[in-house]
C-alpha atoms as a PDB file:
ATOM      1  CA  MET A   1    -117.279-102.315  35.117  1.00  0.00           C
ATOM      2  CA  SER A   2    -119.629-105.202  35.506  1.00  0.00           C
ATOM      3  CA  ASP A   3    -121.923-106.424  32.742  1.00  0.00           C
ATOM      4  CA  TYR A   4    -124.848-106.195  35.146  1.00  0.00           C
ATOM      5  CA  ILE A   5    -127.560-103.884  33.846  1.00  0.00           C
ATOM      6  CA  PRO A   6    -129.863-102.644  36.605  1.00  0.00           C
ATOM      7  CA  SER A   7    -133.580-102.710  36.033  1.00  0.00           C
ATOM      8  CA  LEU A   8    -135.402 -99.422  35.776  1.00  0.00           C
ATOM      9  CA  ASP A   9    -136.556 -99.644  39.403  1.00  0.00           C
ATOM     10  CA  GLU A  10    -132.948-100.201  40.520  1.00  0.00           C
ATOM     11  CA  GLN A  11    -131.749 -96.972  38.877  1.00  0.00           C
ATOM     12  CA  LEU A  12    -131.468 -94.076  41.297  1.00  0.00           C
ATOM     13  CA  CYS A  13    -132.126 -91.544  38.534  1.00  0.00           C
ATOM     14  CA  PHE A  14    -135.498 -93.180  37.842  1.00  0.00           C
ATOM     15  CA  SER A  15    -136.410 -93.219  41.543  1.00  0.00           C
ATOM     16  CA  LEU A  16    -135.528 -89.531  41.895  1.00  0.00           C
ATOM     17  CA  TYR A  17    -137.460 -88.694  38.733  1.00  0.00           C
ATOM     18  CA  GLY A  18    -140.481 -90.626  40.000  1.00  0.00           C
ATOM     19  CA  ALA A  19    -140.258 -88.939  43.406  1.00  0.00           C
ATOM     20  CA  SER A  20    -140.137 -85.536  41.747  1.00  0.00           C
ATOM     21  CA  MET A  21    -143.177 -86.358  39.614  1.00  0.00           C
ATOM     22  CA  ALA A  22    -145.092 -87.620  42.668  1.00  0.00           C
ATOM     23  CA  ILE A  23    -144.290 -84.447  44.603  1.00  0.00           C
ATOM     24  CA  ASN A  24    -145.413 -82.311  41.684  1.00  0.00           C
ATOM     25  CA  ARG A  25    -148.712 -84.224  41.521  1.00  0.00           C
ATOM     26  CA  ALA A  26    -149.223 -83.768  45.280  1.00  0.00           C
ATOM     27  CA  TYR A  27    -148.391 -80.046  45.064  1.00  0.00           C
ATOM     28  CA  LYS A  28    -150.393 -79.237  41.914  1.00  0.00           C
ATOM     29  CA  PRO A  29    -153.869 -78.820  43.470  1.00  0.00           C
ATOM     30  CA  LEU A  30    -152.374 -76.772  46.317  1.00  0.00           C
ATOM     31  CA  LEU A  31    -150.417 -74.557  43.933  1.00  0.00           C
ATOM     32  CA  ASP A  32    -153.481 -74.187  41.707  1.00  0.00           C
ATOM     33  CA  ALA A  33    -155.487 -73.001  44.732  1.00  0.00           C
ATOM     34  CA  LEU A  34    -152.733 -70.445  45.464  1.00  0.00           C
ATOM     35  CA  GLU A  35    -152.674 -69.492  41.762  1.00  0.00           C
ATOM     36  CA  ILE A  36    -148.924 -70.014  41.473  1.00  0.00           C
ATOM     37  CA  THR A  37    -146.738 -72.458  39.577  1.00  0.00           C
ATOM     38  CA  TYR A  38    -144.013 -74.578  41.143  1.00  0.00           C
ATOM     39  CA  PRO A  39    -141.212 -72.460  39.601  1.00  0.00           C
ATOM     40  CA  GLN A  40    -142.909 -69.342  41.016  1.00  0.00           C
ATOM     41  CA  TYR A  41    -143.077 -71.033  44.417  1.00  0.00           C
ATOM     42  CA  LEU A  42    -139.335 -71.707  44.184  1.00  0.00           C
ATOM     43  CA  VAL A  43    -138.595 -68.055  43.369  1.00  0.00           C
ATOM     44  CA  LEU A  44    -140.753 -66.957  46.293  1.00  0.00           C
ATOM     45  CA  SER A  45    -138.959 -69.456  48.548  1.00  0.00           C
ATOM     46  CA  ALA A  46    -135.585 -68.039  47.547  1.00  0.00           C
ATOM     47  CA  LEU A  47    -136.831 -64.519  48.320  1.00  0.00           C
ATOM     48  CA  TRP A  48    -138.317 -65.625  51.656  1.00  0.00           C
ATOM     49  CA  GLU A  49    -134.812 -66.796  52.567  1.00  0.00           C
ATOM     50  CA  SER A  50    -133.190 -63.569  51.410  1.00  0.00           C
ATOM     51  CA  ASP A  51    -135.298 -60.753  49.999  1.00  0.00           C
ATOM     52  CA  GLY A  52    -133.885 -58.345  47.449  1.00  0.00           C
ATOM     53  CA  LEU A  53    -131.946 -60.789  45.264  1.00  0.00           C
ATOM     54  CA  SER A  54    -130.735 -60.059  41.753  1.00  0.00           C
ATOM     55  CA  VAL A  55    -132.195 -62.100  38.915  1.00  0.00           C
ATOM     56  CA  GLY A  56    -128.766 -63.740  38.572  1.00  0.00           C
ATOM     57  CA  ALA A  57    -128.664 -64.642  42.272  1.00  0.00           C
ATOM     58  CA  ILE A  58    -132.143 -66.172  42.053  1.00  0.00           C
ATOM     59  CA  GLY A  59    -131.034 -68.197  39.046  1.00  0.00           C
ATOM     60  CA  GLU A  60    -127.921 -69.353  40.850  1.00  0.00           C
ATOM     61  CA  ARG A  61    -129.891 -70.332  43.956  1.00  0.00           C
ATOM     62  CA  LEU A  62    -132.386 -72.339  41.879  1.00  0.00           C
ATOM     63  CA  GLY A  63    -129.900 -73.739  39.362  1.00  0.00           C
ATOM     64  CA  LEU A  64    -131.534 -71.850  36.486  1.00  0.00           C
ATOM     65  CA  ASP A  65    -130.203 -69.497  33.824  1.00  0.00           C
ATOM     66  CA  SER A  66    -131.132 -65.834  34.153  1.00  0.00           C
ATOM     67  CA  SER A  67    -132.885 -66.161  30.799  1.00  0.00           C
ATOM     68  CA  ASN A  68    -135.324 -68.574  32.462  1.00  0.00           C
ATOM     69  CA  VAL A  69    -135.745 -66.493  35.609  1.00  0.00           C
ATOM     70  CA  THR A  70    -136.478 -63.164  33.901  1.00  0.00           C
ATOM     71  CA  PRO A  71    -139.828 -64.087  32.272  1.00  0.00           C
ATOM     72  CA  LEU A  72    -140.849 -65.909  35.433  1.00  0.00           C
ATOM     73  CA  VAL A  73    -140.157 -62.854  37.580  1.00  0.00           C
ATOM     74  CA  LYS A  74    -141.936 -60.578  35.087  1.00  0.00           C
ATOM     75  CA  ARG A  75    -145.091 -62.706  35.388  1.00  0.00           C
ATOM     76  CA  MET A  76    -144.770 -62.651  39.166  1.00  0.00           C
ATOM     77  CA  GLU A  77    -144.458 -58.864  39.108  1.00  0.00           C
ATOM     78  CA  GLY A  78    -147.622 -58.709  37.001  1.00  0.00           C
ATOM     79  CA  ALA A  79    -149.378 -60.832  39.620  1.00  0.00           C
ATOM     80  CA  GLY A  80    -148.254 -58.430  42.352  1.00  0.00           C
ATOM     81  CA  TRP A  81    -145.977 -60.797  44.307  1.00  0.00           C
ATOM     82  CA  VAL A  82    -142.648 -59.116  43.550  1.00  0.00           C
ATOM     83  CA  SER A  83    -141.234 -55.836  42.361  1.00  0.00           C
ATOM     84  CA  ARG A  84    -138.242 -55.387  40.068  1.00  0.00           C
ATOM     85  CA  VAL A  85    -135.862 -52.433  40.090  1.00  0.00           C
ATOM     86  CA  ARG A  86    -132.502 -51.793  38.467  1.00  0.00           C
ATOM     87  CA  ASN A  87    -129.590 -51.794  40.876  1.00  0.00           C
ATOM     88  CA  PRO A  88    -128.385 -48.163  41.043  1.00  0.00           C
ATOM     89  CA  ALA A  89    -124.838 -49.400  41.651  1.00  0.00           C
ATOM     90  CA  ASP A  90    -124.944 -51.660  38.577  1.00  0.00           C
ATOM     91  CA  GLU A  91    -127.639 -50.907  35.996  1.00  0.00           C
ATOM     92  CA  ARG A  92    -127.116 -54.351  34.428  1.00  0.00           C
ATOM     93  CA  GLN A  93    -128.590 -55.990  37.546  1.00  0.00           C
ATOM     94  CA  VAL A  94    -132.284 -56.261  38.242  1.00  0.00           C
ATOM     95  CA  VAL A  95    -133.108 -56.657  41.937  1.00  0.00           C
ATOM     96  CA  VAL A  96    -136.253 -58.581  42.825  1.00  0.00           C
ATOM     97  CA  SER A  97    -138.050 -57.897  46.112  1.00  0.00           C
ATOM     98  CA  LEU A  98    -141.166 -59.305  47.700  1.00  0.00           C
ATOM     99  CA  THR A  99    -144.292 -57.197  47.852  1.00  0.00           C
ATOM    100  CA  GLN A 100    -146.687 -57.486  50.767  1.00  0.00           C
ATOM    101  CA  ALA A 101    -148.660 -60.063  48.761  1.00  0.00           C
ATOM    102  CA  GLY A 102    -145.456 -62.043  48.134  1.00  0.00           C
ATOM    103  CA  GLN A 103    -144.623 -61.994  51.829  1.00  0.00           C
ATOM    104  CA  GLU A 104    -148.135 -63.141  52.728  1.00  0.00           C
ATOM    105  CA  MET A 105    -147.846 -66.051  50.289  1.00  0.00           C
ATOM    106  CA  GLN A 106    -145.305 -67.661  52.639  1.00  0.00           C
ATOM    107  CA  ALA A 107    -147.936 -68.411  55.297  1.00  0.00           C
ATOM    108  CA  ARG A 108    -150.501 -69.370  52.648  1.00  0.00           C
ATOM    109  CA  SER A 109    -148.105 -71.904  51.084  1.00  0.00           C
ATOM    110  CA  ALA A 110    -147.216 -73.708  54.326  1.00  0.00           C
ATOM    111  CA  CYS A 111    -149.679 -76.384  53.214  1.00  0.00           C
ATOM    112  CA  LEU A 112    -147.106 -77.631  50.678  1.00  0.00           C
ATOM    113  CA  GLY A 113    -144.604 -78.783  53.270  1.00  0.00           C
ATOM    114  CA  GLN A 114    -147.327 -80.143  55.513  1.00  0.00           C
ATOM    115  CA  THR A 115    -148.749 -82.173  52.635  1.00  0.00           C
ATOM    116  CA  LEU A 116    -145.354 -83.623  51.782  1.00  0.00           C
ATOM    117  CA  PHE A 117    -144.682 -84.630  55.388  1.00  0.00           C
ATOM    118  CA  ALA A 118    -148.112 -86.259  55.642  1.00  0.00           C
ATOM    119  CA  ALA A 119    -147.765 -88.055  52.302  1.00  0.00           C
ATOM    120  CA  ALA A 120    -144.284 -89.409  53.057  1.00  0.00           C
ATOM    121  CA  GLY A 121    -145.296 -91.277  56.174  1.00  0.00           C
ATOM    122  CA  LEU A 122    -141.772 -90.852  57.546  1.00  0.00           C
ATOM    123  CA  SER A 123    -140.575 -89.185  60.711  1.00  0.00           C
ATOM    124  CA  VAL A 124    -139.337 -85.622  60.491  1.00  0.00           C
ATOM    125  CA  ASP A 125    -135.830 -86.851  61.332  1.00  0.00           C
ATOM    126  CA  LYS A 126    -135.887 -89.373  58.473  1.00  0.00           C
ATOM    127  CA  LEU A 127    -137.161 -86.764  55.992  1.00  0.00           C
ATOM    128  CA  VAL A 128    -134.503 -84.278  57.106  1.00  0.00           C
ATOM    129  CA  GLN A 129    -131.802 -86.924  56.643  1.00  0.00           C
ATOM    130  CA  LEU A 130    -133.219 -87.963  53.263  1.00  0.00           C
ATOM    131  CA  ASN A 131    -133.130 -84.329  52.151  1.00  0.00           C
ATOM    132  CA  LYS A 132    -129.490 -83.986  53.270  1.00  0.00           C
ATOM    133  CA  ASP A 133    -128.560 -87.194  51.438  1.00  0.00           C
ATOM    134  CA  VAL A 134    -130.263 -86.043  48.226  1.00  0.00           C
ATOM    135  CA  GLN A 135    -128.555 -82.625  48.470  1.00  0.00           C
ATOM    136  CA  THR A 136    -125.164 -84.295  48.921  1.00  0.00           C
ATOM    137  CA  PHE A 137    -125.855 -86.499  45.915  1.00  0.00           C
ATOM    138  CA  ARG A 138    -127.025 -83.506  43.835  1.00  0.00           C
ATOM    139  CA  ASP A 139    -123.938 -81.492  44.729  1.00  0.00           C
ATOM    140  CA  SER A 140    -121.624 -84.412  43.895  1.00  0.00           C
ATOM    141  CA  VAL A 141    -123.226 -84.897  40.486  1.00  0.00           C
ATOM    142  CA  ALA A 142    -123.108 -81.127  39.821  1.00  0.00           C
ATOM    143  CA  ARG A 143    -119.372 -81.077  40.665  1.00  0.00           C
ATOM    144  CA  PHE A 144    -118.798 -84.076  38.417  1.00  0.00           C
ATOM    145  CA  VAL A 145    -120.576 -82.359  35.526  1.00  0.00           C
ATOM    146  CA  SER A 146    -118.763 -79.039  36.028  1.00  0.00           C
ATOM    147  CA  ASP A 147    -115.413 -80.854  36.095  1.00  0.00           C
ATOM    148  CA  GLN A 148    -116.026 -82.396  32.663  1.00  0.00           C
ATOM    149  CA  PRO A 149    -114.032 -80.796  29.830  1.00  0.00           C
ATOM    150  CA  ASN A 150    -117.059 -79.873  27.695  1.00  0.00           C
ATOM    151  CA  SER A 151    -119.380 -78.555  30.431  1.00  0.00           C
END
């Protein structure tokens, strides 16, 4: 290892953190207008990909513990975006499905992606590649962490 200590701006973790904060700031007024939070948007996005997921499957897809997903889904059910039912084949599982209002939110939330593309000032191809690179990096770090003896 070198004795070189990178500045804050040279640290990838800081750049990713800053990018995440900037995206959240860009999304906030749009999410507020839709009356949803970013975590709720992520749950809806997972269900738009594959409706009728268990709470555990949603947590796995989003990298969250079921204990974090359950209260989120309960609030979303109260808002009328999803329904929750016990899986008859396994009563321990709660299956979450989109309601009509939850399905309609997909078209209403298209503004989020459009805003991000406009704000980035990059071509679609460059943004797609950036996303793939970040996903590869995320997956590598996740594997590294899971391979550690105390993880």
